[in-house]
Amino acid sequence: QVHTVESGGGLVQAGGSLRLSCAASGRTFRNYVMGWFRQAPGKEREFVASMNWSGGTIYYANSVKGRFTISRDNAKDLVYLQMNSLKPDDTAVYYCAGKYDDRKGYDKVDEYGYWGQGTQVTVSS
């Protein structure tokens, strides 16, 4: 089992930046895909970005491509989401999640079995 704890959320003006962190613990970090998802009020949880252990497989939602960057420090069991050029539409609770790397479903909410409690990101206009 993988436990994840997110941090780094907050209030930022449009055009600003934030870096979210996710600390993972439990099972070995190896062979786990780590992803970021978000959920805005009244909306379904949606995929943001994911990365496999080696970093050789990375996916981004179209809405964040070119603005957000996912990275991970496997030695420290940390995952990051650097968010630049933030927009009010990026306002949501952001979740870090993990799944065993079976080479599918990298962007599917239902494929991830391990979730953190989320961190709020609010972008003001």
C-alpha atoms as a PDB file:
ATOM      1  CA  GLN A   1       0.000   0.000   0.000  1.00  0.00           C
ATOM      2  CA  VAL A   2       1.164   3.528  -0.787  1.00  0.00           C
ATOM      3  CA  HIS A   3       0.278   6.505   1.360  1.00  0.00           C
ATOM      4  CA  THR A   4       0.503   9.993  -0.067  1.00  0.00           C
ATOM      5  CA  VAL A   5       0.432  13.410   1.575  1.00  0.00           C
ATOM      6  CA  GLU A   6       0.159  16.568  -0.521  1.00  0.00           C
ATOM      7  CA  SER A   7       1.390  20.032   0.385  1.00  0.00           C
ATOM      8  CA  GLY A   8       2.114  23.361  -1.254  1.00  0.00           C
ATOM      9  CA  GLY A   9      -1.342  24.570  -2.153  1.00  0.00           C
ATOM     10  CA  GLY A  10      -2.499  28.108  -1.549  1.00  0.00           C
ATOM     11  CA  LEU A  11      -3.872  31.293  -3.019  1.00  0.00           C
ATOM     12  CA  VAL A  12      -2.141  32.840  -6.010  1.00  0.00           C
ATOM     13  CA  GLN A  13      -2.979  35.473  -8.590  1.00  0.00           C
ATOM     14  CA  ALA A  14      -3.557  34.570 -12.210  1.00  0.00           C
ATOM     15  CA  GLY A  15      -0.243  34.246 -14.010  1.00  0.00           C
ATOM     16  CA  GLY A  16       1.537  33.152 -10.867  1.00  0.00           C
ATOM     17  CA  SER A  17       3.191  29.862  -9.927  1.00  0.00           C
ATOM     18  CA  LEU A  18       2.935  27.207  -7.254  1.00  0.00           C
ATOM     19  CA  ARG A  19       4.785  23.967  -6.625  1.00  0.00           C
ATOM     20  CA  LEU A  20       2.900  21.096  -5.082  1.00  0.00           C
ATOM     21  CA  SER A  21       4.717  18.312  -3.278  1.00  0.00           C
ATOM     22  CA  CYS A  22       3.622  14.784  -2.543  1.00  0.00           C
ATOM     23  CA  ALA A  23       5.344  12.594   0.020  1.00  0.00           C
ATOM     24  CA  ALA A  24       4.790   8.896  -0.564  1.00  0.00           C
ATOM     25  CA  SER A  25       5.333   6.131   1.960  1.00  0.00           C
ATOM     26  CA  GLY A  26       4.493   2.497   2.421  1.00  0.00           C
ATOM     27  CA  ARG A  27       5.342   0.077  -0.323  1.00  0.00           C
ATOM     28  CA  THR A  28       8.452   0.622  -2.342  1.00  0.00           C
ATOM     29  CA  PHE A  29       8.129   3.554  -4.635  1.00  0.00           C
ATOM     30  CA  ARG A  30       9.564   1.539  -7.455  1.00  0.00           C
ATOM     31  CA  ASN A  31       7.136   0.310 -10.098  1.00  0.00           C
ATOM     32  CA  TYR A  32       4.481   2.791  -9.086  1.00  0.00           C
ATOM     33  CA  VAL A  33       3.077   5.420 -11.377  1.00  0.00           C
ATOM     34  CA  MET A  34       2.427   8.659  -9.539  1.00  0.00           C
ATOM     35  CA  GLY A  35      -0.192  11.054 -10.772  1.00  0.00           C
ATOM     36  CA  TRP A  36      -1.782  14.372 -10.015  1.00  0.00           C
ATOM     37  CA  PHE A  37      -5.505  14.913 -10.299  1.00  0.00           C
ATOM     38  CA  ARG A  38      -7.791  17.799  -9.423  1.00  0.00           C
ATOM     39  CA  GLN A  39     -11.403  18.385  -8.555  1.00  0.00           C
ATOM     40  CA  ALA A  40     -13.179  21.697  -8.775  1.00  0.00           C
ATOM     41  CA  PRO A  41     -16.471  22.365  -6.946  1.00  0.00           C
ATOM     42  CA  GLY A  42     -19.375  20.671  -8.695  1.00  0.00           C
ATOM     43  CA  LYS A  43     -17.106  18.878 -11.150  1.00  0.00           C
ATOM     44  CA  GLU A  44     -15.715  15.406 -11.457  1.00  0.00           C
ATOM     45  CA  ARG A  45     -12.153  14.594 -10.512  1.00  0.00           C
ATOM     46  CA  GLU A  46      -9.908  14.961 -13.550  1.00  0.00           C
ATOM     47  CA  PHE A  47      -6.460  13.908 -14.614  1.00  0.00           C
ATOM     48  CA  VAL A  48      -3.647  16.471 -14.587  1.00  0.00           C
ATOM     49  CA  ALA A  49      -0.322  14.650 -15.015  1.00  0.00           C
ATOM     50  CA  SER A  50       1.401  11.337 -14.354  1.00  0.00           C
ATOM     51  CA  MET A  51       4.874   9.873 -14.433  1.00  0.00           C
ATOM     52  CA  ASN A  52       6.242   6.368 -14.152  1.00  0.00           C
ATOM     53  CA  TRP A  53       9.213   5.319 -11.994  1.00  0.00           C
ATOM     54  CA  SER A  54      11.917   5.983 -14.561  1.00  0.00           C
ATOM     55  CA  GLY A  55      10.411   9.187 -15.854  1.00  0.00           C
ATOM     56  CA  GLY A  56      10.341   7.735 -19.327  1.00  0.00           C
ATOM     57  CA  THR A  57       6.561   7.856 -19.509  1.00  0.00           C
ATOM     58  CA  ILE A  58       4.890  11.158 -18.760  1.00  0.00           C
ATOM     59  CA  TYR A  59       1.371  12.299 -19.576  1.00  0.00           C
ATOM     60  CA  TYR A  60      -0.303  15.680 -19.240  1.00  0.00           C
ATOM     61  CA  ALA A  61      -3.870  16.797 -19.660  1.00  0.00           C
ATOM     62  CA  ASN A  62      -4.218  19.084 -22.662  1.00  0.00           C
ATOM     63  CA  SER A  63      -5.394  21.883 -20.405  1.00  0.00           C
ATOM     64  CA  VAL A  64      -2.065  22.024 -18.551  1.00  0.00           C
ATOM     65  CA  LYS A  65       0.467  21.127 -21.244  1.00  0.00           C
ATOM     66  CA  GLY A  66       3.218  23.693 -21.463  1.00  0.00           C
ATOM     67  CA  ARG A  67       2.311  25.171 -18.076  1.00  0.00           C
ATOM     68  CA  PHE A  68       2.642  22.329 -15.582  1.00  0.00           C
ATOM     69  CA  THR A  69       5.582  19.986 -15.040  1.00  0.00           C
ATOM     70  CA  ILE A  70       5.546  16.745 -13.078  1.00  0.00           C
ATOM     71  CA  SER A  71       8.729  15.388 -11.564  1.00  0.00           C
ATOM     72  CA  ARG A  72       9.755  12.903  -8.923  1.00  0.00           C
ATOM     73  CA  ASP A  73      12.680  12.297  -6.600  1.00  0.00           C
ATOM     74  CA  ASN A  74      12.745   8.537  -6.186  1.00  0.00           C
ATOM     75  CA  ALA A  75      15.510   8.656  -3.586  1.00  0.00           C
ATOM     76  CA  LYS A  76      13.252  10.700  -1.321  1.00  0.00           C
ATOM     77  CA  ASP A  77       9.881   9.257  -2.393  1.00  0.00           C
ATOM     78  CA  LEU A  78       8.677  12.675  -3.457  1.00  0.00           C
ATOM     79  CA  VAL A  79       6.581  13.800  -6.406  1.00  0.00           C
ATOM     80  CA  TYR A  80       6.229  17.398  -7.508  1.00  0.00           C
ATOM     81  CA  LEU A  81       3.888  19.395  -9.689  1.00  0.00           C
ATOM     82  CA  GLN A  82       5.287  22.727 -10.820  1.00  0.00           C
ATOM     83  CA  MET A  83       2.428  24.935 -11.954  1.00  0.00           C
ATOM     84  CA  ASN A  84       3.185  28.074 -13.948  1.00  0.00           C
ATOM     85  CA  SER A  85       0.984  30.621 -15.702  1.00  0.00           C
ATOM     86  CA  LEU A  86      -1.891  29.679 -13.448  1.00  0.00           C
ATOM     87  CA  LYS A  87      -5.426  30.528 -14.483  1.00  0.00           C
ATOM     88  CA  PRO A  88      -8.630  30.866 -12.457  1.00  0.00           C
ATOM     89  CA  ASP A  89      -9.810  27.648 -14.137  1.00  0.00           C
ATOM     90  CA  ASP A  90      -6.978  25.825 -12.376  1.00  0.00           C
ATOM     91  CA  THR A  91      -8.705  26.416  -9.049  1.00  0.00           C
ATOM     92  CA  ALA A  92      -9.394  23.026  -7.468  1.00  0.00           C
ATOM     93  CA  VAL A  93      -8.351  20.568  -4.822  1.00  0.00           C
ATOM     94  CA  TYR A  94      -5.275  18.787  -6.126  1.00  0.00           C
ATOM     95  CA  TYR A  95      -4.674  15.149  -5.281  1.00  0.00           C
ATOM     96  CA  CYS A  96      -1.594  12.990  -5.512  1.00  0.00           C
ATOM     97  CA  ALA A  97      -2.291   9.373  -6.355  1.00  0.00           C
ATOM     98  CA  GLY A  98      -0.407   6.156  -6.968  1.00  0.00           C
ATOM     99  CA  LYS A  99      -0.966   2.995  -8.975  1.00  0.00           C
ATOM    100  CA  TYR A 100       1.090  -0.045  -9.817  1.00  0.00           C
ATOM    101  CA  ASP A 101       2.656   0.363 -13.221  1.00  0.00           C
ATOM    102  CA  ASP A 102       0.850  -2.109 -15.427  1.00  0.00           C
ATOM    103  CA  ARG A 103       1.518   0.126 -18.416  1.00  0.00           C
ATOM    104  CA  LYS A 104      -2.048   1.283 -18.836  1.00  0.00           C
ATOM    105  CA  GLY A 105      -4.537   3.756 -17.470  1.00  0.00           C
ATOM    106  CA  TYR A 106      -2.037   6.459 -16.685  1.00  0.00           C
ATOM    107  CA  ASP A 107      -4.733   9.120 -17.004  1.00  0.00           C
ATOM    108  CA  LYS A 108      -7.688   7.201 -15.554  1.00  0.00           C
ATOM    109  CA  VAL A 109      -8.975   8.155 -12.132  1.00  0.00           C
ATOM    110  CA  ASP A 110     -10.342   4.664 -11.523  1.00  0.00           C
ATOM    111  CA  GLU A 111      -6.954   3.048 -12.146  1.00  0.00           C
ATOM    112  CA  TYR A 112      -5.380   4.710  -9.104  1.00  0.00           C
ATOM    113  CA  GLY A 113      -5.876   3.000  -5.780  1.00  0.00           C
ATOM    114  CA  TYR A 114      -3.909   5.221  -3.439  1.00  0.00           C
ATOM    115  CA  TRP A 115      -4.932   8.793  -2.786  1.00  0.00           C
ATOM    116  CA  GLY A 116      -3.896  11.638  -0.531  1.00  0.00           C
ATOM    117  CA  GLN A 117      -6.215  14.032   1.253  1.00  0.00           C
ATOM    118  CA  GLY A 118      -5.702  16.808  -1.296  1.00  0.00           C
ATOM    119  CA  THR A 119      -4.435  20.357  -1.174  1.00  0.00           C
ATOM    120  CA  GLN A 120      -6.431  23.431  -2.194  1.00  0.00           C
ATOM    121  CA  VAL A 121      -5.190  25.648  -5.009  1.00  0.00           C
ATOM    122  CA  THR A 122      -7.044  28.894  -5.574  1.00  0.00           C
ATOM    123  CA  VAL A 123      -6.190  31.197  -8.467  1.00  0.00           C
ATOM    124  CA  SER A 124      -7.658  34.677  -8.295  1.00  0.00           C
ATOM    125  CA  SER A 125      -8.328  36.778 -11.373  1.00  0.00           C
END
